[in-house]
């Protein structure tokens, strides 16, 4: 996932969250929308950081020790 697709995925998560907040009819449904949003956000961030660390390891592996 490149940085562009990460930003696009974040945008999608925020759009669905905003839609859920607008549709919410109770206090509990507002909280449920938030917890789902938080879970989606954290999952995407973990995946993104894992991919970035793989890039770091790949580049670092090509360099000679000094």
PDB file of N, CA and C in Angstrom:
ATOM      1  N   UNK A   1       0.848  -1.172   0.000  1.00  0.00           N
ATOM      2  CA  UNK A   1       0.000   0.000   0.000  1.00  0.00           C
ATOM      3  C   UNK A   1       0.890   1.230   0.000  1.00  0.00           C
ATOM      4  N   UNK A   2       0.774   2.048  -1.012  1.00  0.00           N
ATOM      5  CA  UNK A   2       1.547   3.278  -1.063  1.00  0.00           C
ATOM      6  C   UNK A   2       0.897   4.346  -0.203  1.00  0.00           C
ATOM      7  N   UNK A   3       1.577   5.480  -0.077  1.00  0.00           N
ATOM      8  CA  UNK A   3       1.035   6.536   0.778  1.00  0.00           C
ATOM      9  C   UNK A   3      -0.273   7.090   0.206  1.00  0.00           C
ATOM     10  N   UNK A   4      -0.413   7.060  -1.112  1.00  0.00           N
ATOM     11  CA  UNK A   4      -1.655   7.542  -1.721  1.00  0.00           C
ATOM     12  C   UNK A   4      -2.825   6.645  -1.389  1.00  0.00           C
ATOM     13  N   UNK A   5      -2.623   5.332  -1.452  1.00  0.00           N
ATOM     14  CA  UNK A   5      -3.726   4.425  -1.144  1.00  0.00           C
ATOM     15  C   UNK A   5      -4.037   4.447   0.353  1.00  0.00           C
ATOM     16  N   UNK A   6      -3.029   4.693   1.193  1.00  0.00           N
ATOM     17  CA  UNK A   6      -3.274   4.819   2.636  1.00  0.00           C
ATOM     18  C   UNK A   6      -4.160   6.034   2.904  1.00  0.00           C
ATOM     19  N   UNK A   7      -3.823   7.158   2.278  1.00  0.00           N
ATOM     20  CA  UNK A   7      -4.617   8.377   2.468  1.00  0.00           C
ATOM     21  C   UNK A   7      -6.039   8.179   1.939  1.00  0.00           C
ATOM     22  N   UNK A   8      -6.172   7.475   0.833  1.00  0.00           N
ATOM     23  CA  UNK A   8      -7.491   7.203   0.262  1.00  0.00           C
ATOM     24  C   UNK A   8      -8.298   6.300   1.200  1.00  0.00           C
ATOM     25  N   UNK A   9      -7.641   5.303   1.791  1.00  0.00           N
ATOM     26  CA  UNK A   9      -8.319   4.397   2.720  1.00  0.00           C
ATOM     27  C   UNK A   9      -8.761   5.147   3.976  1.00  0.00           C
ATOM     28  N   UNK A  10      -7.916   6.043   4.471  1.00  0.00           N
ATOM     29  CA  UNK A  10      -8.282   6.863   5.635  1.00  0.00           C
ATOM     30  C   UNK A  10      -9.498   7.721   5.290  1.00  0.00           C
ATOM     31  N   UNK A  11      -9.485   8.294   4.096  1.00  0.00           N
ATOM     32  CA  UNK A  11     -10.626   9.102   3.664  1.00  0.00           C
ATOM     33  C   UNK A  11     -11.908   8.288   3.641  1.00  0.00           C
ATOM     34  N   UNK A  12     -11.818   7.055   3.177  1.00  0.00           N
ATOM     35  CA  UNK A  12     -12.993   6.184   3.145  1.00  0.00           C
ATOM     36  C   UNK A  12     -13.504   5.872   4.536  1.00  0.00           C
ATOM     37  N   UNK A  13     -12.581   5.612   5.456  1.00  0.00           N
ATOM     38  CA  UNK A  13     -12.974   5.334   6.843  1.00  0.00           C
ATOM     39  C   UNK A  13     -13.678   6.546   7.448  1.00  0.00           C
ATOM     40  N   UNK A  14     -13.140   7.734   7.189  1.00  0.00           N
ATOM     41  CA  UNK A  14     -13.742   8.950   7.748  1.00  0.00           C
ATOM     42  C   UNK A  14     -15.098   9.247   7.113  1.00  0.00           C
ATOM     43  N   UNK A  15     -15.238   8.962   5.834  1.00  0.00           N
ATOM     44  CA  UNK A  15     -16.540   9.181   5.183  1.00  0.00           C
ATOM     45  C   UNK A  15     -17.603   8.271   5.788  1.00  0.00           C
ATOM     46  N   UNK A  16     -17.266   6.988   5.961  1.00  0.00           N
ATOM     47  CA  UNK A  16     -18.252   6.064   6.532  1.00  0.00           C
ATOM     48  C   UNK A  16     -18.570   6.435   7.980  1.00  0.00           C
ATOM     49  N   UNK A  17     -17.579   6.920   8.719  1.00  0.00           N
ATOM     50  CA  UNK A  17     -17.797   7.355  10.103  1.00  0.00           C
ATOM     51  C   UNK A  17     -18.743   8.559  10.137  1.00  0.00           C
ATOM     52  N   UNK A  18     -18.505   9.540   9.275  1.00  0.00           N
ATOM     53  CA  UNK A  18     -19.358  10.730   9.234  1.00  0.00           C
ATOM     54  C   UNK A  18     -20.794  10.347   8.866  1.00  0.00           C
ATOM     55  N   UNK A  19     -20.936   9.413   7.932  1.00  0.00           N
ATOM     56  CA  UNK A  19     -22.271   8.951   7.532  1.00  0.00           C
ATOM     57  C   UNK A  19     -22.968   8.261   8.696  1.00  0.00           C
ATOM     58  N   UNK A  20     -22.225   7.413   9.414  1.00  0.00           N
ATOM     59  CA  UNK A  20     -22.812   6.718  10.559  1.00  0.00           C
ATOM     60  C   UNK A  20     -23.245   7.700  11.640  1.00  0.00           C
ATOM     61  N   UNK A  21     -22.462   8.759  11.858  1.00  0.00           N
ATOM     62  CA  UNK A  21     -22.844   9.756  12.858  1.00  0.00           C
ATOM     63  C   UNK A  21     -24.119  10.491  12.452  1.00  0.00           C
ATOM     64  N   UNK A  22     -24.241  10.785  11.170  1.00  0.00           N
ATOM     65  CA  UNK A  22     -25.445  11.481  10.701  1.00  0.00           C
ATOM     66  C   UNK A  22     -26.686  10.605  10.842  1.00  0.00           C
ATOM     67  N   UNK A  23     -26.528   9.290  10.634  1.00  0.00           N
ATOM     68  CA  UNK A  23     -27.659   8.361  10.707  1.00  0.00           C
ATOM     69  C   UNK A  23     -28.005   7.969  12.136  1.00  0.00           C
ATOM     70  N   UNK A  24     -27.107   8.212  13.085  1.00  0.00           N
ATOM     71  CA  UNK A  24     -27.290   7.750  14.462  1.00  0.00           C
ATOM     72  C   UNK A  24     -28.548   8.359  15.072  1.00  0.00           C
ATOM     73  N   UNK A  25     -29.347   7.492  15.702  1.00  0.00           N
ATOM     74  CA  UNK A  25     -30.596   7.943  16.323  1.00  0.00           C
ATOM     75  C   UNK A  25     -30.532   7.874  17.841  1.00  0.00           C
ATOM     76  N   UNK A  26     -29.458   7.305  18.374  1.00  0.00           N
ATOM     77  CA  UNK A  26     -29.354   7.198  19.834  1.00  0.00           C
ATOM     78  C   UNK A  26     -27.921   7.461  20.264  1.00  0.00           C
ATOM     79  N   UNK A  27     -27.766   7.679  21.556  1.00  0.00           N
ATOM     80  CA  UNK A  27     -26.426   7.897  22.110  1.00  0.00           C
ATOM     81  C   UNK A  27     -25.564   6.653  21.914  1.00  0.00           C
ATOM     82  N   UNK A  28     -26.184   5.481  22.080  1.00  0.00           N
ATOM     83  CA  UNK A  28     -25.430   4.241  21.932  1.00  0.00           C
ATOM     84  C   UNK A  28     -24.970   4.039  20.491  1.00  0.00           C
ATOM     85  N   UNK A  29     -25.777   4.401  19.527  1.00  0.00           N
ATOM     86  CA  UNK A  29     -25.367   4.228  18.135  1.00  0.00           C
ATOM     87  C   UNK A  29     -24.229   5.185  17.774  1.00  0.00           C
ATOM     88  N   UNK A  30     -24.189   6.356  18.420  1.00  0.00           N
ATOM     89  CA  UNK A  30     -23.058   7.274  18.213  1.00  0.00           C
ATOM     90  C   UNK A  30     -21.779   6.640  18.751  1.00  0.00           C
ATOM     91  N   UNK A  31     -21.861   6.071  19.953  1.00  0.00           N
ATOM     92  CA  UNK A  31     -20.693   5.401  20.537  1.00  0.00           C
ATOM     93  C   UNK A  31     -20.258   4.206  19.694  1.00  0.00           C
ATOM     94  N   UNK A  32     -21.217   3.425  19.226  1.00  0.00           N
ATOM     95  CA  UNK A  32     -20.879   2.263  18.395  1.00  0.00           C
ATOM     96  C   UNK A  32     -20.171   2.689  17.114  1.00  0.00           C
ATOM     97  N   UNK A  33     -20.628   3.784  16.517  1.00  0.00           N
ATOM     98  CA  UNK A  33     -19.983   4.293  15.304  1.00  0.00           C
ATOM     99  C   UNK A  33     -18.543   4.702  15.611  1.00  0.00           C
ATOM    100  N   UNK A  34     -18.338   5.332  16.765  1.00  0.00           N
ATOM    101  CA  UNK A  34     -16.980   5.741  17.133  1.00  0.00           C
ATOM    102  C   UNK A  34     -16.079   4.530  17.332  1.00  0.00           C
ATOM    103  N   UNK A  35     -16.557   3.523  18.068  1.00  0.00           N
ATOM    104  CA  UNK A  35     -15.701   2.356  18.349  1.00  0.00           C
ATOM    105  C   UNK A  35     -15.357   1.603  17.072  1.00  0.00           C
ATOM    106  N   UNK A  36     -16.309   1.512  16.148  1.00  0.00           N
ATOM    107  CA  UNK A  36     -16.022   0.858  14.870  1.00  0.00           C
ATOM    108  C   UNK A  36     -14.981   1.664  14.093  1.00  0.00           C
ATOM    109  N   UNK A  37     -15.133   2.988  14.103  1.00  0.00           N
ATOM    110  CA  UNK A  37     -14.199   3.873  13.419  1.00  0.00           C
ATOM    111  C   UNK A  37     -12.798   3.726  14.008  1.00  0.00           C
ATOM    112  N   UNK A  38     -12.704   3.700  15.329  1.00  0.00           N
ATOM    113  CA  UNK A  38     -11.421   3.565  16.011  1.00  0.00           C
ATOM    114  C   UNK A  38     -10.753   2.238  15.657  1.00  0.00           C
ATOM    115  N   UNK A  39     -11.526   1.165  15.665  1.00  0.00           N
ATOM    116  CA  UNK A  39     -10.996  -0.165  15.337  1.00  0.00           C
ATOM    117  C   UNK A  39     -10.476  -0.197  13.898  1.00  0.00           C
ATOM    118  N   UNK A  40     -11.251   0.352  12.965  1.00  0.00           N
ATOM    119  CA  UNK A  40     -10.828   0.389  11.556  1.00  0.00           C
ATOM    120  C   UNK A  40      -9.562   1.217  11.390  1.00  0.00           C
ATOM    121  N   UNK A  41      -9.528   2.350  12.068  1.00  0.00           N
ATOM    122  CA  UNK A  41      -8.388   3.263  11.984  1.00  0.00           C
ATOM    123  C   UNK A  41      -7.121   2.590  12.504  1.00  0.00           C
ATOM    124  N   UNK A  42      -7.228   1.960  13.658  1.00  0.00           N
ATOM    125  CA  UNK A  42      -6.057   1.317  14.261  1.00  0.00           C
ATOM    126  C   UNK A  42      -5.556   0.152  13.408  1.00  0.00           C
ATOM    127  N   UNK A  43      -6.478  -0.616  12.835  1.00  0.00           N
ATOM    128  CA  UNK A  43      -6.086  -1.738  11.969  1.00  0.00           C
ATOM    129  C   UNK A  43      -5.322  -1.222  10.755  1.00  0.00           C
ATOM    130  N   UNK A  44      -5.841  -0.166  10.137  1.00  0.00           N
ATOM    131  CA  UNK A  44      -5.197   0.393   8.953  1.00  0.00           C
ATOM    132  C   UNK A  44      -3.831   0.978   9.299  1.00  0.00           C
ATOM    133  N   UNK A  45      -3.723   1.657  10.423  1.00  0.00           N
ATOM    134  CA  UNK A  45      -2.448   2.238  10.840  1.00  0.00           C
ATOM    135  C   UNK A  45      -1.413   1.145  11.106  1.00  0.00           C
ATOM    136  N   UNK A  46      -1.817   0.079  11.810  1.00  0.00           N
ATOM    137  CA  UNK A  46      -0.888  -1.029  12.066  1.00  0.00           C
ATOM    138  C   UNK A  46      -0.368  -1.614  10.758  1.00  0.00           C
ATOM    139  N   UNK A  47      -1.275  -1.810   9.813  1.00  0.00           N
ATOM    140  CA  UNK A  47      -0.880  -2.365   8.515  1.00  0.00           C
ATOM    141  C   UNK A  47       0.081  -1.417   7.791  1.00  0.00           C
ATOM    142  N   UNK A  48      -0.220  -0.133   7.821  1.00  0.00           N
ATOM    143  CA  UNK A  48       0.605   0.862   7.149  1.00  0.00           C
ATOM    144  C   UNK A  48       2.010   0.906   7.768  1.00  0.00           C
ATOM    145  N   UNK A  49       2.078   0.920   9.095  1.00  0.00           N
ATOM    146  CA  UNK A  49       3.375   0.973   9.765  1.00  0.00           C
ATOM    147  C   UNK A  49       4.178  -0.299   9.529  1.00  0.00           C
ATOM    148  N   UNK A  50       3.504  -1.446   9.462  1.00  0.00           N
ATOM    149  CA  UNK A  50       4.185  -2.706   9.173  1.00  0.00           C
ATOM    150  C   UNK A  50       4.824  -2.651   7.782  1.00  0.00           C
ATOM    151  N   UNK A  51       4.082  -2.117   6.824  1.00  0.00           N
ATOM    152  CA  UNK A  51       4.620  -2.004   5.460  1.00  0.00           C
ATOM    153  C   UNK A  51       5.791  -1.031   5.408  1.00  0.00           C
ATOM    154  N   UNK A  52       5.705   0.065   6.148  1.00  0.00           N
ATOM    155  CA  UNK A  52       6.819   1.016   6.172  1.00  0.00           C
ATOM    156  C   UNK A  52       8.057   0.400   6.809  1.00  0.00           C
ATOM    157  N   UNK A  53       7.875  -0.382   7.863  1.00  0.00           N
ATOM    158  CA  UNK A  53       9.011  -1.032   8.505  1.00  0.00           C
ATOM    159  C   UNK A  53       9.643  -2.048   7.560  1.00  0.00           C
ATOM    160  N   UNK A  54       8.836  -2.734   6.770  1.00  0.00           N
ATOM    161  CA  UNK A  54       9.385  -3.658   5.773  1.00  0.00           C
ATOM    162  C   UNK A  54      10.253  -2.908   4.762  1.00  0.00           C
ATOM    163  N   UNK A  55       9.819  -1.710   4.362  1.00  0.00           N
ATOM    164  CA  UNK A  55      10.623  -0.891   3.458  1.00  0.00           C
ATOM    165  C   UNK A  55      11.948  -0.509   4.109  1.00  0.00           C
ATOM    166  N   UNK A  56      11.888  -0.128   5.383  1.00  0.00           N
ATOM    167  CA  UNK A  56      13.105   0.250   6.112  1.00  0.00           C
ATOM    168  C   UNK A  56      14.071  -0.928   6.154  1.00  0.00           C
ATOM    169  N   UNK A  57      13.561  -2.110   6.495  1.00  0.00           N
ATOM    170  CA  UNK A  57      14.418  -3.289   6.590  1.00  0.00           C
ATOM    171  C   UNK A  57      15.018  -3.652   5.239  1.00  0.00           C
ATOM    172  N   UNK A  58      14.206  -3.519   4.178  1.00  0.00           N
ATOM    173  CA  UNK A  58      14.695  -3.843   2.834  1.00  0.00           C
ATOM    174  C   UNK A  58      15.832  -2.903   2.425  1.00  0.00           C
ATOM    175  N   UNK A  59      15.654  -1.611   2.658  1.00  0.00           N
ATOM    176  CA  UNK A  59      16.682  -0.621   2.295  1.00  0.00           C
ATOM    177  C   UNK A  59      17.923  -0.792   3.167  1.00  0.00           C
ATOM    178  N   UNK A  60      17.695  -0.995   4.465  1.00  0.00           N
ATOM    179  CA  UNK A  60      18.799  -1.169   5.400  1.00  0.00           C
ATOM    180  C   UNK A  60      19.613  -2.410   5.048  1.00  0.00           C
ATOM    181  N   UNK A  61      18.934  -3.450   4.574  1.00  0.00           N
ATOM    182  CA  UNK A  61      19.623  -4.698   4.223  1.00  0.00           C
ATOM    183  C   UNK A  61      20.583  -4.554   3.055  1.00  0.00           C
ATOM    184  N   UNK A  62      20.356  -3.572   2.221  1.00  0.00           N
ATOM    185  CA  UNK A  62      21.215  -3.350   1.058  1.00  0.00           C
ATOM    186  C   UNK A  62      22.487  -2.586   1.409  1.00  0.00           C
ATOM    187  N   UNK A  63      22.502  -1.939   2.572  1.00  0.00           N
ATOM    188  CA  UNK A  63      23.631  -1.094   2.957  1.00  0.00           C
ATOM    189  C   UNK A  63      24.687  -1.908   3.672  1.00  0.00           C
ATOM    190  N   UNK A  64      25.924  -1.520   3.479  1.00  0.00           N
ATOM    191  CA  UNK A  64      27.028  -2.197   4.144  1.00  0.00           C
ATOM    192  C   UNK A  64      27.172  -1.656   5.560  1.00  0.00           C
ATOM    193  N   UNK A  65      27.655  -2.515   6.450  1.00  0.00           N
ATOM    194  CA  UNK A  65      27.958  -2.078   7.826  1.00  0.00           C
ATOM    195  C   UNK A  65      29.167  -1.167   7.795  1.00  0.00           C
ATOM    196  N   UNK A  66      29.221  -0.231   8.695  1.00  0.00           N
ATOM    197  CA  UNK A  66      30.390   0.663   8.776  1.00  0.00           C
ATOM    198  C   UNK A  66      31.074   0.467  10.101  1.00  0.00           C
TER     199      UNK A  66
END
